Amino acid sequence: MEPISKVNLERLTNGIYAFTMTLMIRNIQLPSSGTLTGTASLDNYLVTTSLSVIDFVGAFLILGMFWLFISRSSTG
């Protein structure tokens, strides 16, 4: 079995990062139809959703920095 080439390893790494970043957005849930009937339920939804969005942005930035570091270190 021949070893994996550097180009194929870079492609695999890029694909893994892209797949992971894409799947992270699925953690943010939209409300079901008719569930936001009052101000309290809307406030609760906005608080929980904003926390999920903050988590997503933080994780996305961390993964993006790792990907940028790996892609720059492999080209130079």
PDB file of N, CA and C in Angstrom:
ATOM      1  N   MET A   1       0.849  -1.175   0.000  1.00  0.00           N
ATOM      2  CA  MET A   1       0.000   0.000   0.000  1.00  0.00           C
ATOM      3  C   MET A   1       0.892   1.234   0.000  1.00  0.00           C
ATOM      4  N   GLU A   2       0.646   2.126  -0.938  1.00  0.00           N
ATOM      5  CA  GLU A   2       1.502   3.309  -1.038  1.00  0.00           C
ATOM      6  C   GLU A   2       0.994   4.405  -0.099  1.00  0.00           C
ATOM      7  N   PRO A   3       1.897   5.220   0.419  1.00  0.00           N
ATOM      8  CA  PRO A   3       1.486   6.272   1.356  1.00  0.00           C
ATOM      9  C   PRO A   3       0.680   7.354   0.643  1.00  0.00           C
ATOM     10  N   ILE A   4      -0.123   8.060   1.417  1.00  0.00           N
ATOM     11  CA  ILE A   4      -0.964   9.123   0.870  1.00  0.00           C
ATOM     12  C   ILE A   4      -0.098  10.324   0.504  1.00  0.00           C
ATOM     13  N   SER A   5      -0.388  10.926  -0.630  1.00  0.00           N
ATOM     14  CA  SER A   5       0.411  12.074  -1.070  1.00  0.00           C
ATOM     15  C   SER A   5       0.031  13.316  -0.261  1.00  0.00           C
ATOM     16  N   LYS A   6       0.909  14.302  -0.280  1.00  0.00           N
ATOM     17  CA  LYS A   6       0.685  15.535   0.466  1.00  0.00           C
ATOM     18  C   LYS A   6      -0.554  16.272  -0.047  1.00  0.00           C
ATOM     19  N   VAL A   7      -0.736  16.286  -1.351  1.00  0.00           N
ATOM     20  CA  VAL A   7      -1.887  16.976  -1.939  1.00  0.00           C
ATOM     21  C   VAL A   7      -3.192  16.304  -1.501  1.00  0.00           C
ATOM     22  N   ASN A   8      -3.230  14.979  -1.527  1.00  0.00           N
ATOM     23  CA  ASN A   8      -4.439  14.274  -1.119  1.00  0.00           C
ATOM     24  C   ASN A   8      -4.709  14.446   0.367  1.00  0.00           C
ATOM     25  N   LEU A   9      -3.667  14.502   1.171  1.00  0.00           N
ATOM     26  CA  LEU A   9      -3.836  14.739   2.603  1.00  0.00           C
ATOM     27  C   LEU A   9      -4.397  16.139   2.850  1.00  0.00           C
ATOM     28  N   GLU A  10      -3.934  17.126   2.098  1.00  0.00           N
ATOM     29  CA  GLU A  10      -4.467  18.486   2.220  1.00  0.00           C
ATOM     30  C   GLU A  10      -5.937  18.534   1.802  1.00  0.00           C
ATOM     31  N   ARG A  11      -6.281  17.836   0.747  1.00  0.00           N
ATOM     32  CA  ARG A  11      -7.676  17.797   0.308  1.00  0.00           C
ATOM     33  C   ARG A  11      -8.566  17.138   1.354  1.00  0.00           C
ATOM     34  N   LEU A  12      -8.090  16.054   1.935  1.00  0.00           N
ATOM     35  CA  LEU A  12      -8.849  15.369   2.972  1.00  0.00           C
ATOM     36  C   LEU A  12      -9.041  16.268   4.183  1.00  0.00           C
ATOM     37  N   THR A  13      -7.994  16.951   4.592  1.00  0.00           N
ATOM     38  CA  THR A  13      -8.076  17.864   5.728  1.00  0.00           C
ATOM     39  C   THR A  13      -9.052  18.996   5.445  1.00  0.00           C
ATOM     40  N   ASN A  14      -8.994  19.580   4.260  1.00  0.00           N
ATOM     41  CA  ASN A  14      -9.929  20.642   3.892  1.00  0.00           C
ATOM     42  C   ASN A  14     -11.369  20.144   3.916  1.00  0.00           C
ATOM     43  N   GLY A  15     -11.581  18.947   3.429  1.00  0.00           N
ATOM     44  CA  GLY A  15     -12.924  18.373   3.425  1.00  0.00           C
ATOM     45  C   GLY A  15     -13.457  18.129   4.824  1.00  0.00           C
ATOM     46  N   ILE A  16     -12.600  17.655   5.705  1.00  0.00           N
ATOM     47  CA  ILE A  16     -13.018  17.408   7.088  1.00  0.00           C
ATOM     48  C   ILE A  16     -13.396  18.719   7.768  1.00  0.00           C
ATOM     49  N   TYR A  17     -12.577  19.741   7.596  1.00  0.00           N
ATOM     50  CA  TYR A  17     -12.907  21.042   8.190  1.00  0.00           C
ATOM     51  C   TYR A  17     -14.201  21.608   7.610  1.00  0.00           C
ATOM     52  N   ALA A  18     -14.376  21.526   6.313  1.00  0.00           N
ATOM     53  CA  ALA A  18     -15.592  22.051   5.686  1.00  0.00           C
ATOM     54  C   ALA A  18     -16.829  21.291   6.159  1.00  0.00           C
ATOM     55  N   PHE A  19     -16.723  19.978   6.260  1.00  0.00           N
ATOM     56  CA  PHE A  19     -17.839  19.163   6.719  1.00  0.00           C
ATOM     57  C   PHE A  19     -18.201  19.490   8.162  1.00  0.00           C
ATOM     58  N   THR A  20     -17.194  19.635   9.007  1.00  0.00           N
ATOM     59  CA  THR A  20     -17.424  19.952  10.413  1.00  0.00           C
ATOM     60  C   THR A  20     -18.062  21.324  10.571  1.00  0.00           C
ATOM     61  N   MET A  21     -17.558  22.303   9.844  1.00  0.00           N
ATOM     62  CA  MET A  21     -18.124  23.650   9.935  1.00  0.00           C
ATOM     63  C   MET A  21     -19.564  23.689   9.430  1.00  0.00           C
ATOM     64  N   THR A  22     -19.866  22.903   8.425  1.00  0.00           N
ATOM     65  CA  THR A  22     -21.220  22.859   7.892  1.00  0.00           C
ATOM     66  C   THR A  22     -22.186  22.202   8.878  1.00  0.00           C
ATOM     67  N   LEU A  23     -21.757  21.139   9.525  1.00  0.00           N
ATOM     68  CA  LEU A  23     -22.634  20.429  10.461  1.00  0.00           C
ATOM     69  C   LEU A  23     -22.892  21.216  11.744  1.00  0.00           C
ATOM     70  N   MET A  24     -21.999  22.121  12.093  1.00  0.00           N
ATOM     71  CA  MET A  24     -22.180  22.878  13.327  1.00  0.00           C
ATOM     72  C   MET A  24     -23.444  23.734  13.293  1.00  0.00           C
ATOM     73  N   ILE A  25     -23.837  24.217  12.152  1.00  0.00           N
ATOM     74  CA  ILE A  25     -25.007  25.084  12.054  1.00  0.00           C
ATOM     75  C   ILE A  25     -26.287  24.329  12.389  1.00  0.00           C
ATOM     76  N   ARG A  26     -26.262  23.020  12.297  1.00  0.00           N
ATOM     77  CA  ARG A  26     -27.456  22.227  12.590  1.00  0.00           C
ATOM     78  C   ARG A  26     -27.817  22.238  14.065  1.00  0.00           C
ATOM     79  N   ASN A  27     -26.935  22.750  14.912  1.00  0.00           N
ATOM     80  CA  ASN A  27     -27.216  22.842  16.336  1.00  0.00           C
ATOM     81  C   ASN A  27     -28.219  23.959  16.634  1.00  0.00           C
ATOM     82  N   ILE A  28     -28.358  24.917  15.739  1.00  0.00           N
ATOM     83  CA  ILE A  28     -29.282  26.028  15.932  1.00  0.00           C
ATOM     84  C   ILE A  28     -30.658  25.599  15.426  1.00  0.00           C
ATOM     85  N   GLN A  29     -31.623  25.555  16.344  1.00  0.00           N
ATOM     86  CA  GLN A  29     -32.958  25.053  16.022  1.00  0.00           C
ATOM     87  C   GLN A  29     -33.923  26.200  15.765  1.00  0.00           C
ATOM     88  N   LEU A  30     -34.736  26.068  14.732  1.00  0.00           N
ATOM     89  CA  LEU A  30     -35.819  27.012  14.469  1.00  0.00           C
ATOM     90  C   LEU A  30     -37.051  26.563  15.243  1.00  0.00           C
ATOM     91  N   PRO A  31     -37.878  27.508  15.675  1.00  0.00           N
ATOM     92  CA  PRO A  31     -39.071  27.105  16.429  1.00  0.00           C
ATOM     93  C   PRO A  31     -40.095  26.431  15.521  1.00  0.00           C
ATOM     94  N   SER A  32     -40.858  25.529  16.113  1.00  0.00           N
ATOM     95  CA  SER A  32     -41.941  24.890  15.367  1.00  0.00           C
ATOM     96  C   SER A  32     -43.053  25.901  15.134  1.00  0.00           C
ATOM     97  N   SER A  33     -43.835  25.666  14.130  1.00  0.00           N
ATOM     98  CA  SER A  33     -44.927  26.569  13.786  1.00  0.00           C
ATOM     99  C   SER A  33     -45.942  26.612  14.933  1.00  0.00           C
ATOM    100  N   GLY A  34     -46.261  27.824  15.400  1.00  0.00           N
ATOM    101  CA  GLY A  34     -47.269  27.995  16.437  1.00  0.00           C
ATOM    102  C   GLY A  34     -46.753  27.886  17.855  1.00  0.00           C
ATOM    103  N   THR A  35     -45.456  27.696  18.063  1.00  0.00           N
ATOM    104  CA  THR A  35     -44.942  27.545  19.423  1.00  0.00           C
ATOM    105  C   THR A  35     -44.626  28.883  20.080  1.00  0.00           C
ATOM    106  N   LEU A  36     -44.390  29.919  19.312  1.00  0.00           N
ATOM    107  CA  LEU A  36     -44.098  31.232  19.878  1.00  0.00           C
ATOM    108  C   LEU A  36     -45.394  32.032  19.977  1.00  0.00           C
ATOM    109  N   THR A  37     -46.157  31.758  21.028  1.00  0.00           N
ATOM    110  CA  THR A  37     -47.471  32.391  21.150  1.00  0.00           C
ATOM    111  C   THR A  37     -47.460  33.616  22.049  1.00  0.00           C
ATOM    112  N   GLY A  38     -46.521  33.702  22.964  1.00  0.00           N
ATOM    113  CA  GLY A  38     -46.508  34.834  23.882  1.00  0.00           C
ATOM    114  C   GLY A  38     -45.141  35.473  23.965  1.00  0.00           C
ATOM    115  N   THR A  39     -45.078  36.587  24.708  1.00  0.00           N
ATOM    116  CA  THR A  39     -43.821  37.310  24.870  1.00  0.00           C
ATOM    117  C   THR A  39     -42.799  36.478  25.634  1.00  0.00           C
ATOM    118  N   ALA A  40     -43.259  35.730  26.638  1.00  0.00           N
ATOM    119  CA  ALA A  40     -42.338  34.921  27.453  1.00  0.00           C
ATOM    120  C   ALA A  40     -41.700  33.819  26.610  1.00  0.00           C
ATOM    121  N   SER A  41     -42.489  33.178  25.765  1.00  0.00           N
ATOM    122  CA  SER A  41     -41.926  32.108  24.941  1.00  0.00           C
ATOM    123  C   SER A  41     -40.970  32.675  23.894  1.00  0.00           C
ATOM    124  N   LEU A  42     -41.269  33.865  23.370  1.00  0.00           N
ATOM    125  CA  LEU A  42     -40.369  34.504  22.414  1.00  0.00           C
ATOM    126  C   LEU A  42     -39.062  34.903  23.093  1.00  0.00           C
ATOM    127  N   ASP A  43     -39.163  35.465  24.284  1.00  0.00           N
ATOM    128  CA  ASP A  43     -37.954  35.831  25.029  1.00  0.00           C
ATOM    129  C   ASP A  43     -37.093  34.606  25.320  1.00  0.00           C
ATOM    130  N   ASN A  44     -37.722  33.524  25.735  1.00  0.00           N
ATOM    131  CA  ASN A  44     -36.997  32.285  26.025  1.00  0.00           C
ATOM    132  C   ASN A  44     -36.313  31.756  24.765  1.00  0.00           C
ATOM    133  N   TYR A  45     -37.025  31.791  23.646  1.00  0.00           N
ATOM    134  CA  TYR A  45     -36.442  31.320  22.387  1.00  0.00           C
ATOM    135  C   TYR A  45     -35.245  32.182  21.978  1.00  0.00           C
ATOM    136  N   LEU A  46     -35.373  33.485  22.090  1.00  0.00           N
ATOM    137  CA  LEU A  46     -34.278  34.373  21.697  1.00  0.00           C
ATOM    138  C   LEU A  46     -33.049  34.177  22.574  1.00  0.00           C
ATOM    139  N   VAL A  47     -33.240  33.953  23.865  1.00  0.00           N
ATOM    140  CA  VAL A  47     -32.101  33.726  24.765  1.00  0.00           C
ATOM    141  C   VAL A  47     -31.398  32.428  24.408  1.00  0.00           C
ATOM    142  N   THR A  48     -32.144  31.344  24.255  1.00  0.00           N
ATOM    143  CA  THR A  48     -31.507  30.062  23.952  1.00  0.00           C
ATOM    144  C   THR A  48     -30.882  30.059  22.569  1.00  0.00           C
ATOM    145  N   THR A  49     -31.530  30.707  21.611  1.00  0.00           N
ATOM    146  CA  THR A  49     -30.970  30.750  20.258  1.00  0.00           C
ATOM    147  C   THR A  49     -29.723  31.617  20.206  1.00  0.00           C
ATOM    148  N   SER A  50     -29.738  32.745  20.909  1.00  0.00           N
ATOM    149  CA  SER A  50     -28.554  33.607  20.889  1.00  0.00           C
ATOM    150  C   SER A  50     -27.354  32.896  21.517  1.00  0.00           C
ATOM    151  N   LEU A  51     -27.582  32.075  22.533  1.00  0.00           N
ATOM    152  CA  LEU A  51     -26.479  31.303  23.118  1.00  0.00           C
ATOM    153  C   LEU A  51     -25.939  30.282  22.114  1.00  0.00           C
ATOM    154  N   SER A  52     -26.826  29.652  21.355  1.00  0.00           N
ATOM    155  CA  SER A  52     -26.382  28.699  20.333  1.00  0.00           C
ATOM    156  C   SER A  52     -25.600  29.399  19.226  1.00  0.00           C
ATOM    157  N   VAL A  53     -26.037  30.595  18.851  1.00  0.00           N
ATOM    158  CA  VAL A  53     -25.337  31.352  17.814  1.00  0.00           C
ATOM    159  C   VAL A  53     -23.952  31.765  18.308  1.00  0.00           C
ATOM    160  N   ILE A  54     -23.852  32.193  19.557  1.00  0.00           N
ATOM    161  CA  ILE A  54     -22.549  32.560  20.126  1.00  0.00           C
ATOM    162  C   ILE A  54     -21.622  31.349  20.161  1.00  0.00           C
ATOM    163  N   ASP A  55     -22.138  30.193  20.570  1.00  0.00           N
ATOM    164  CA  ASP A  55     -21.346  28.958  20.558  1.00  0.00           C
ATOM    165  C   ASP A  55     -20.878  28.620  19.149  1.00  0.00           C
ATOM    166  N   PHE A  56     -21.784  28.749  18.176  1.00  0.00           N
ATOM    167  CA  PHE A  56     -21.443  28.452  16.785  1.00  0.00           C
ATOM    168  C   PHE A  56     -20.338  29.365  16.278  1.00  0.00           C
ATOM    169  N   VAL A  57     -20.473  30.667  16.531  1.00  0.00           N
ATOM    170  CA  VAL A  57     -19.473  31.627  16.050  1.00  0.00           C
ATOM    171  C   VAL A  57     -18.111  31.349  16.682  1.00  0.00           C
ATOM    172  N   GLY A  58     -18.097  31.066  17.980  1.00  0.00           N
ATOM    173  CA  GLY A  58     -16.837  30.763  18.651  1.00  0.00           C
ATOM    174  C   GLY A  58     -16.169  29.514  18.088  1.00  0.00           C
ATOM    175  N   ALA A  59     -16.933  28.442  17.955  1.00  0.00           N
ATOM    176  CA  ALA A  59     -16.374  27.199  17.425  1.00  0.00           C
ATOM    177  C   ALA A  59     -15.945  27.363  15.972  1.00  0.00           C
ATOM    178  N   PHE A  60     -16.730  28.115  15.188  1.00  0.00           N
ATOM    179  CA  PHE A  60     -16.388  28.355  13.789  1.00  0.00           C
ATOM    180  C   PHE A  60     -15.069  29.117  13.675  1.00  0.00           C
ATOM    181  N   LEU A  61     -14.884  30.124  14.515  1.00  0.00           N
ATOM    182  CA  LEU A  61     -13.635  30.889  14.488  1.00  0.00           C
ATOM    183  C   LEU A  61     -12.440  30.035  14.892  1.00  0.00           C
ATOM    184  N   ILE A  62     -12.614  29.206  15.907  1.00  0.00           N
ATOM    185  CA  ILE A  62     -11.510  28.334  16.335  1.00  0.00           C
ATOM    186  C   ILE A  62     -11.148  27.353  15.231  1.00  0.00           C
ATOM    187  N   LEU A  63     -12.147  26.692  14.643  1.00  0.00           N
ATOM    188  CA  LEU A  63     -11.867  25.760  13.547  1.00  0.00           C
ATOM    189  C   LEU A  63     -11.251  26.479  12.360  1.00  0.00           C
ATOM    190  N   GLY A  64     -11.748  27.680  12.069  1.00  0.00           N
ATOM    191  CA  GLY A  64     -11.191  28.457  10.968  1.00  0.00           C
ATOM    192  C   GLY A  64      -9.730  28.813  11.189  1.00  0.00           C
ATOM    193  N   MET A  65      -9.380  29.161  12.426  1.00  0.00           N
ATOM    194  CA  MET A  65      -7.976  29.477  12.728  1.00  0.00           C
ATOM    195  C   MET A  65      -7.092  28.236  12.590  1.00  0.00           C
ATOM    196  N   PHE A  66      -7.580  27.085  13.074  1.00  0.00           N
ATOM    197  CA  PHE A  66      -6.817  25.848  12.908  1.00  0.00           C
ATOM    198  C   PHE A  66      -6.628  25.518  11.434  1.00  0.00           C
ATOM    199  N   TRP A  67      -7.716  25.630  10.653  1.00  0.00           N
ATOM    200  CA  TRP A  67      -7.629  25.330   9.230  1.00  0.00           C
ATOM    201  C   TRP A  67      -6.653  26.281   8.535  1.00  0.00           C
ATOM    202  N   LEU A  68      -6.725  27.567   8.876  1.00  0.00           N
ATOM    203  CA  LEU A  68      -5.822  28.545   8.264  1.00  0.00           C
ATOM    204  C   LEU A  68      -4.364  28.232   8.618  1.00  0.00           C
ATOM    205  N   PHE A  69      -4.111  27.875   9.862  1.00  0.00           N
ATOM    206  CA  PHE A  69      -2.757  27.523  10.285  1.00  0.00           C
ATOM    207  C   PHE A  69      -2.253  26.301   9.538  1.00  0.00           C
ATOM    208  N   ILE A  70      -3.096  25.283   9.421  1.00  0.00           N
ATOM    209  CA  ILE A  70      -2.666  24.060   8.733  1.00  0.00           C
ATOM    210  C   ILE A  70      -2.454  24.311   7.247  1.00  0.00           C
ATOM    211  N   SER A  71      -3.347  25.076   6.624  1.00  0.00           N
ATOM    212  CA  SER A  71      -3.195  25.312   5.186  1.00  0.00           C
ATOM    213  C   SER A  71      -1.973  26.183   4.883  1.00  0.00           C
ATOM    214  N   ARG A  72      -1.673  27.130   5.752  1.00  0.00           N
ATOM    215  CA  ARG A  72      -0.490  27.964   5.521  1.00  0.00           C
ATOM    216  C   ARG A  72       0.800  27.224   5.832  1.00  0.00           C
ATOM    217  N   SER A  73       0.788  26.359   6.845  1.00  0.00           N
ATOM    218  CA  SER A  73       2.010  25.636   7.178  1.00  0.00           C
ATOM    219  C   SER A  73       2.333  24.552   6.139  1.00  0.00           C
ATOM    220  N   SER A  74       1.315  24.049   5.454  1.00  0.00           N
ATOM    221  CA  SER A  74       1.575  23.010   4.456  1.00  0.00           C
ATOM    222  C   SER A  74       2.043  23.579   3.130  1.00  0.00           C
ATOM    223  N   THR A  75       1.767  24.867   2.865  1.00  0.00           N
ATOM    224  CA  THR A  75       2.192  25.449   1.596  1.00  0.00           C
ATOM    225  C   THR A  75       3.572  26.076   1.682  1.00  0.00           C
ATOM    226  N   GLY A  76       4.013  26.403   2.868  1.00  0.00           N
ATOM    227  CA  GLY A  76       5.300  27.089   2.967  1.00  0.00           C
ATOM    228  C   GLY A  76       6.273  26.312   3.698  1.00  0.00           C
TER     229      GLY A  76
END
